[in-house]
Amino acid sequence: MVITKTFSMNYKNHILGLLAVVLLGSLMAFSHYSKEMKAEKEVIALVESAYINGAFNDQDTKAMKNGFHEDFAIFSAKGETISRYDIADWIAGIEKRKAKPDYEMQVWEHKLPSVDVTGGSAAVKVELFKDGKHVYTDYLSLLRFDSGWKIVAKVYHKHADS
C-alpha cells in the first residue's frame, strides 16, 4: 500500500510539473505574440498616415517628415544602375505641386497584402489603385529607432496598364 501511494504521489507531481511547464511556455509565447501584434499595428498605422495619406491622398508633407527617416530613398533600376530619389526631393515636389493654382487632391485606394515584422525590422507590400486601376506595387522597409518606427526605403513596380 505504501508503494502505491508513493508511486501515485510521484506521478501527480510529474503531471503538475508538466502542466506548469506547458502553462509557462504558453504565457511566454502569448507575450511574444502580443508584442509582435502591437508592432504590426504600429507599422500599419505609420504606413497609412505617413505613406498612404502623407505621400498620396492628403499629400501631407508634415506627416511624411514624421514617418519617413531623413535618409529615406526610393530605389529603382535604370538599365544596370540604381536610381535614387531622396525624401527631401519627394517632399519638395509635393509642396511645389500643392502651390500651383490648379492643384487637385488625388484619391488613391490601397491594400496591404503583406506586413512582416521581425523585432525592429519590418517589410510592407502596398498595392495602390487609382480610378480602379492597379498603378503601383510598392515594397517599404521600416526600422524601429529609439523614437519609434520610420520608413527607410522603397522599391516599386509600376504596372504597365495604368
C-alpha atoms as a PDB file:
ATOM      1  CA  MET A   1       0.000   0.000   0.000  1.00  0.00           C
ATOM      2  CA  VAL A   2       2.811   2.448   0.798  1.00  0.00           C
ATOM      3  CA  ILE A   3       4.460   1.742  -2.556  1.00  0.00           C
ATOM      4  CA  THR A   4       1.224   2.542  -4.404  1.00  0.00           C
ATOM      5  CA  LYS A   5       0.819   5.878  -2.571  1.00  0.00           C
ATOM      6  CA  THR A   6       4.439   6.886  -3.283  1.00  0.00           C
ATOM      7  CA  PHE A   7       4.074   5.986  -6.943  1.00  0.00           C
ATOM      8  CA  SER A   8       0.764   7.842  -7.113  1.00  0.00           C
ATOM      9  CA  MET A   9       2.256  10.975  -5.453  1.00  0.00           C
ATOM     10  CA  ASN A  10       5.289  10.966  -7.777  1.00  0.00           C
ATOM     11  CA  TYR A  11       3.003  10.583 -10.786  1.00  0.00           C
ATOM     12  CA  LYS A  12       0.869  13.517  -9.615  1.00  0.00           C
ATOM     13  CA  ASN A  13       3.977  15.663  -9.030  1.00  0.00           C
ATOM     14  CA  HIS A  14       5.246  14.880 -12.521  1.00  0.00           C
ATOM     15  CA  ILE A  15       1.869  15.766 -14.043  1.00  0.00           C
ATOM     16  CA  LEU A  16       1.706  19.027 -12.067  1.00  0.00           C
ATOM     17  CA  GLY A  17       5.271  19.882 -13.106  1.00  0.00           C
ATOM     18  CA  LEU A  18       4.470  19.167 -16.739  1.00  0.00           C
ATOM     19  CA  LEU A  19       1.341  21.331 -16.572  1.00  0.00           C
ATOM     20  CA  ALA A  20       3.363  24.176 -15.028  1.00  0.00           C
ATOM     21  CA  VAL A  21       5.920  23.998 -17.867  1.00  0.00           C
ATOM     22  CA  VAL A  22       3.164  23.972 -20.520  1.00  0.00           C
ATOM     23  CA  LEU A  23       1.403  26.932 -18.872  1.00  0.00           C
ATOM     24  CA  LEU A  24       4.632  28.937 -18.557  1.00  0.00           C
ATOM     25  CA  GLY A  25       5.522  28.197 -22.180  1.00  0.00           C
ATOM     26  CA  SER A  26       2.077  29.299 -23.316  1.00  0.00           C
ATOM     27  CA  LEU A  27       2.337  32.558 -21.377  1.00  0.00           C
ATOM     28  CA  MET A  28       5.765  33.291 -22.870  1.00  0.00           C
ATOM     29  CA  ALA A  29       4.513  32.566 -26.389  1.00  0.00           C
ATOM     30  CA  PHE A  30       1.465  34.790 -25.860  1.00  0.00           C
ATOM     31  CA  SER A  31       3.687  37.601 -24.568  1.00  0.00           C
ATOM     32  CA  HIS A  32       5.902  37.362 -27.666  1.00  0.00           C
ATOM     33  CA  TYR A  33       2.861  37.170 -29.954  1.00  0.00           C
ATOM     34  CA  SER A  34       1.323  40.177 -28.203  1.00  0.00           C
ATOM     35  CA  LYS A  35       4.492  42.262 -28.743  1.00  0.00           C
ATOM     36  CA  GLU A  36       4.629  41.286 -32.420  1.00  0.00           C
ATOM     37  CA  MET A  37       0.925  42.159 -32.884  1.00  0.00           C
ATOM     38  CA  LYS A  38       1.490  45.559 -31.228  1.00  0.00           C
ATOM     39  CA  ALA A  39       4.474  46.217 -33.506  1.00  0.00           C
ATOM     40  CA  GLU A  40       2.450  45.160 -36.568  1.00  0.00           C
ATOM     41  CA  LYS A  41      -0.349  47.571 -35.628  1.00  0.00           C
ATOM     42  CA  GLU A  42       2.198  50.388 -35.164  1.00  0.00           C
ATOM     43  CA  VAL A  43       3.747  49.677 -38.576  1.00  0.00           C
ATOM     44  CA  ILE A  44       0.344  49.624 -40.314  1.00  0.00           C
ATOM     45  CA  ALA A  45      -0.686  52.895 -38.633  1.00  0.00           C
ATOM     46  CA  LEU A  46       2.565  54.545 -39.736  1.00  0.00           C
ATOM     47  CA  VAL A  47       2.259  53.320 -43.333  1.00  0.00           C
ATOM     48  CA  GLU A  48      -1.335  54.559 -43.501  1.00  0.00           C
ATOM     49  CA  SER A  49      -0.582  58.004 -42.013  1.00  0.00           C
ATOM     50  CA  ALA A  50       2.842  58.849 -43.464  1.00  0.00           C
ATOM     51  CA  TYR A  51       2.740  56.921 -46.736  1.00  0.00           C
ATOM     52  CA  ILE A  52      -0.842  56.410 -47.930  1.00  0.00           C
ATOM     53  CA  ASN A  53      -2.216  59.695 -46.634  1.00  0.00           C
ATOM     54  CA  GLY A  54       1.018  61.672 -46.326  1.00  0.00           C
ATOM     55  CA  ALA A  55       2.529  60.935 -49.717  1.00  0.00           C
ATOM     56  CA  PHE A  56      -0.600  60.173 -51.733  1.00  0.00           C
ATOM     57  CA  ASN A  57      -4.138  61.070 -50.604  1.00  0.00           C
ATOM     58  CA  ASP A  58      -3.636  64.121 -48.383  1.00  0.00           C
ATOM     59  CA  GLN A  59      -0.106  64.874 -49.589  1.00  0.00           C
ATOM     60  CA  ASP A  60       0.654  65.897 -46.017  1.00  0.00           C
ATOM     61  CA  THR A  61       4.383  66.619 -46.035  1.00  0.00           C
ATOM     62  CA  LYS A  62       4.403  67.112 -42.249  1.00  0.00           C
ATOM     63  CA  ALA A  63       3.129  63.535 -41.819  1.00  0.00           C
ATOM     64  CA  MET A  64       5.792  62.396 -44.279  1.00  0.00           C
ATOM     65  CA  LYS A  65       8.549  64.145 -42.317  1.00  0.00           C
ATOM     66  CA  ASN A  66       7.301  62.452 -39.135  1.00  0.00           C
ATOM     67  CA  GLY A  67       7.041  58.965 -40.636  1.00  0.00           C
ATOM     68  CA  PHE A  68       9.983  58.765 -43.024  1.00  0.00           C
ATOM     69  CA  HIS A  69      13.603  58.647 -41.919  1.00  0.00           C
ATOM     70  CA  GLU A  70      15.609  61.617 -43.163  1.00  0.00           C
ATOM     71  CA  ASP A  71      17.828  59.242 -45.175  1.00  0.00           C
ATOM     72  CA  PHE A  72      14.838  57.530 -46.847  1.00  0.00           C
ATOM     73  CA  ALA A  73      15.071  56.987 -50.596  1.00  0.00           C
ATOM     74  CA  ILE A  74      13.107  55.347 -53.380  1.00  0.00           C
ATOM     75  CA  PHE A  75      15.288  52.952 -55.357  1.00  0.00           C
ATOM     76  CA  SER A  76      14.595  51.843 -58.921  1.00  0.00           C
ATOM     77  CA  ALA A  77      16.550  50.153 -61.680  1.00  0.00           C
ATOM     78  CA  LYS A  78      17.638  52.160 -64.730  1.00  0.00           C
ATOM     79  CA  GLY A  79      19.395  49.747 -67.058  1.00  0.00           C
ATOM     80  CA  GLU A  80      22.207  48.372 -64.913  1.00  0.00           C
ATOM     81  CA  THR A  81      22.294  51.297 -62.494  1.00  0.00           C
ATOM     82  CA  ILE A  82      20.263  52.125 -59.419  1.00  0.00           C
ATOM     83  CA  SER A  83      18.319  55.366 -59.419  1.00  0.00           C
ATOM     84  CA  ARG A  84      17.792  57.045 -56.033  1.00  0.00           C
ATOM     85  CA  TYR A  85      15.036  59.566 -55.248  1.00  0.00           C
ATOM     86  CA  ASP A  86      15.587  61.124 -51.811  1.00  0.00           C
ATOM     87  CA  ILE A  87      12.810  62.062 -49.403  1.00  0.00           C
ATOM     88  CA  ALA A  88      13.794  65.754 -49.480  1.00  0.00           C
ATOM     89  CA  ASP A  89      13.271  65.843 -53.261  1.00  0.00           C
ATOM     90  CA  TRP A  90       9.960  63.978 -52.992  1.00  0.00           C
ATOM     91  CA  ILE A  91       8.637  66.357 -50.338  1.00  0.00           C
ATOM     92  CA  ALA A  92       9.813  69.404 -52.344  1.00  0.00           C
ATOM     93  CA  GLY A  93       7.990  68.055 -55.424  1.00  0.00           C
ATOM     94  CA  ILE A  94       4.755  67.623 -53.465  1.00  0.00           C
ATOM     95  CA  GLU A  95       4.992  71.114 -51.968  1.00  0.00           C
ATOM     96  CA  LYS A  96       5.633  72.588 -55.440  1.00  0.00           C
ATOM     97  CA  ARG A  97       2.572  70.781 -56.904  1.00  0.00           C
ATOM     98  CA  LYS A  98       0.374  71.851 -53.984  1.00  0.00           C
ATOM     99  CA  ALA A  99       1.375  75.514 -54.509  1.00  0.00           C
ATOM    100  CA  LYS A 100       0.028  75.539 -58.087  1.00  0.00           C
ATOM    101  CA  PRO A 101      -3.401  77.182 -58.520  1.00  0.00           C
ATOM    102  CA  ASP A 102      -4.757  74.180 -60.468  1.00  0.00           C
ATOM    103  CA  TYR A 103      -3.725  71.666 -57.784  1.00  0.00           C
ATOM    104  CA  GLU A 104      -6.305  68.940 -57.131  1.00  0.00           C
ATOM    105  CA  MET A 105      -6.263  66.324 -54.388  1.00  0.00           C
ATOM    106  CA  GLN A 106      -5.950  62.784 -55.660  1.00  0.00           C
ATOM    107  CA  VAL A 107      -7.754  59.749 -54.343  1.00  0.00           C
ATOM    108  CA  TRP A 108      -5.727  56.557 -54.075  1.00  0.00           C
ATOM    109  CA  GLU A 109      -7.090  53.277 -52.803  1.00  0.00           C
ATOM    110  CA  HIS A 110      -4.733  50.757 -51.289  1.00  0.00           C
ATOM    111  CA  LYS A 111      -4.280  47.235 -49.989  1.00  0.00           C
ATOM    112  CA  LEU A 112      -1.626  45.944 -47.620  1.00  0.00           C
ATOM    113  CA  PRO A 113      -1.395  42.283 -48.667  1.00  0.00           C
ATOM    114  CA  SER A 114       1.746  41.668 -46.629  1.00  0.00           C
ATOM    115  CA  VAL A 115       3.024  43.086 -43.345  1.00  0.00           C
ATOM    116  CA  ASP A 116       6.025  41.276 -41.890  1.00  0.00           C
ATOM    117  CA  VAL A 117       7.576  42.400 -38.600  1.00  0.00           C
ATOM    118  CA  THR A 118      10.595  40.751 -37.015  1.00  0.00           C
ATOM    119  CA  GLY A 119      11.947  42.519 -33.965  1.00  0.00           C
ATOM    120  CA  GLY A 120      12.928  46.032 -35.031  1.00  0.00           C
ATOM    121  CA  SER A 121      12.632  45.437 -38.784  1.00  0.00           C
ATOM    122  CA  ALA A 122       9.556  45.364 -40.993  1.00  0.00           C
ATOM    123  CA  ALA A 123       8.593  44.992 -44.647  1.00  0.00           C
ATOM    124  CA  VAL A 124       5.222  46.049 -46.051  1.00  0.00           C
ATOM    125  CA  LYS A 125       3.824  45.311 -49.501  1.00  0.00           C
ATOM    126  CA  VAL A 126       1.481  48.082 -50.649  1.00  0.00           C
ATOM    127  CA  GLU A 127      -0.790  47.918 -53.688  1.00  0.00           C
ATOM    128  CA  LEU A 128      -2.001  51.339 -54.910  1.00  0.00           C
ATOM    129  CA  PHE A 129      -5.040  51.856 -57.121  1.00  0.00           C
ATOM    130  CA  LYS A 130      -6.263  54.987 -58.882  1.00  0.00           C
ATOM    131  CA  ASP A 131      -9.644  55.121 -60.614  1.00  0.00           C
ATOM    132  CA  GLY A 132      -9.960  51.374 -60.062  1.00  0.00           C
ATOM    133  CA  LYS A 133      -6.672  50.571 -61.838  1.00  0.00           C
ATOM    134  CA  HIS A 134      -3.723  48.917 -60.141  1.00  0.00           C
ATOM    135  CA  VAL A 135      -0.967  51.514 -60.607  1.00  0.00           C
ATOM    136  CA  TYR A 136       1.869  50.571 -58.238  1.00  0.00           C
ATOM    137  CA  THR A 137       3.085  47.705 -56.113  1.00  0.00           C
ATOM    138  CA  ASP A 138       5.447  49.137 -53.513  1.00  0.00           C
ATOM    139  CA  TYR A 139       7.720  47.415 -51.042  1.00  0.00           C
ATOM    140  CA  LEU A 140       8.507  49.518 -47.982  1.00  0.00           C
ATOM    141  CA  SER A 141      11.281  48.768 -45.497  1.00  0.00           C
ATOM    142  CA  LEU A 142      10.919  50.061 -41.956  1.00  0.00           C
ATOM    143  CA  LEU A 143      13.171  50.134 -38.914  1.00  0.00           C
ATOM    144  CA  ARG A 144      12.335  50.798 -35.286  1.00  0.00           C
ATOM    145  CA  PHE A 145      14.505  53.547 -33.804  1.00  0.00           C
ATOM    146  CA  ASP A 146      14.561  54.830 -30.217  1.00  0.00           C
ATOM    147  CA  SER A 147      11.937  57.380 -31.337  1.00  0.00           C
ATOM    148  CA  GLY A 148       9.738  54.709 -32.979  1.00  0.00           C
ATOM    149  CA  TRP A 149       9.158  53.200 -36.423  1.00  0.00           C
ATOM    150  CA  LYS A 150      10.365  55.011 -39.571  1.00  0.00           C
ATOM    151  CA  ILE A 151      10.040  54.164 -43.256  1.00  0.00           C
ATOM    152  CA  VAL A 152      13.629  53.892 -44.540  1.00  0.00           C
ATOM    153  CA  ALA A 153      13.400  52.679 -48.148  1.00  0.00           C
ATOM    154  CA  LYS A 154      11.078  51.853 -51.013  1.00  0.00           C
ATOM    155  CA  VAL A 155      11.337  49.807 -54.193  1.00  0.00           C
ATOM    156  CA  TYR A 156       8.362  49.564 -56.506  1.00  0.00           C
ATOM    157  CA  HIS A 157       6.822  48.281 -59.688  1.00  0.00           C
ATOM    158  CA  LYS A 158       4.674  50.492 -61.931  1.00  0.00           C
ATOM    159  CA  HIS A 159       2.051  48.397 -63.682  1.00  0.00           C
ATOM    160  CA  ALA A 160       2.033  48.804 -67.461  1.00  0.00           C
ATOM    161  CA  ASP A 161      -1.714  49.126 -67.888  1.00  0.00           C
ATOM    162  CA  SER A 162      -2.013  52.125 -65.571  1.00  0.00           C
END
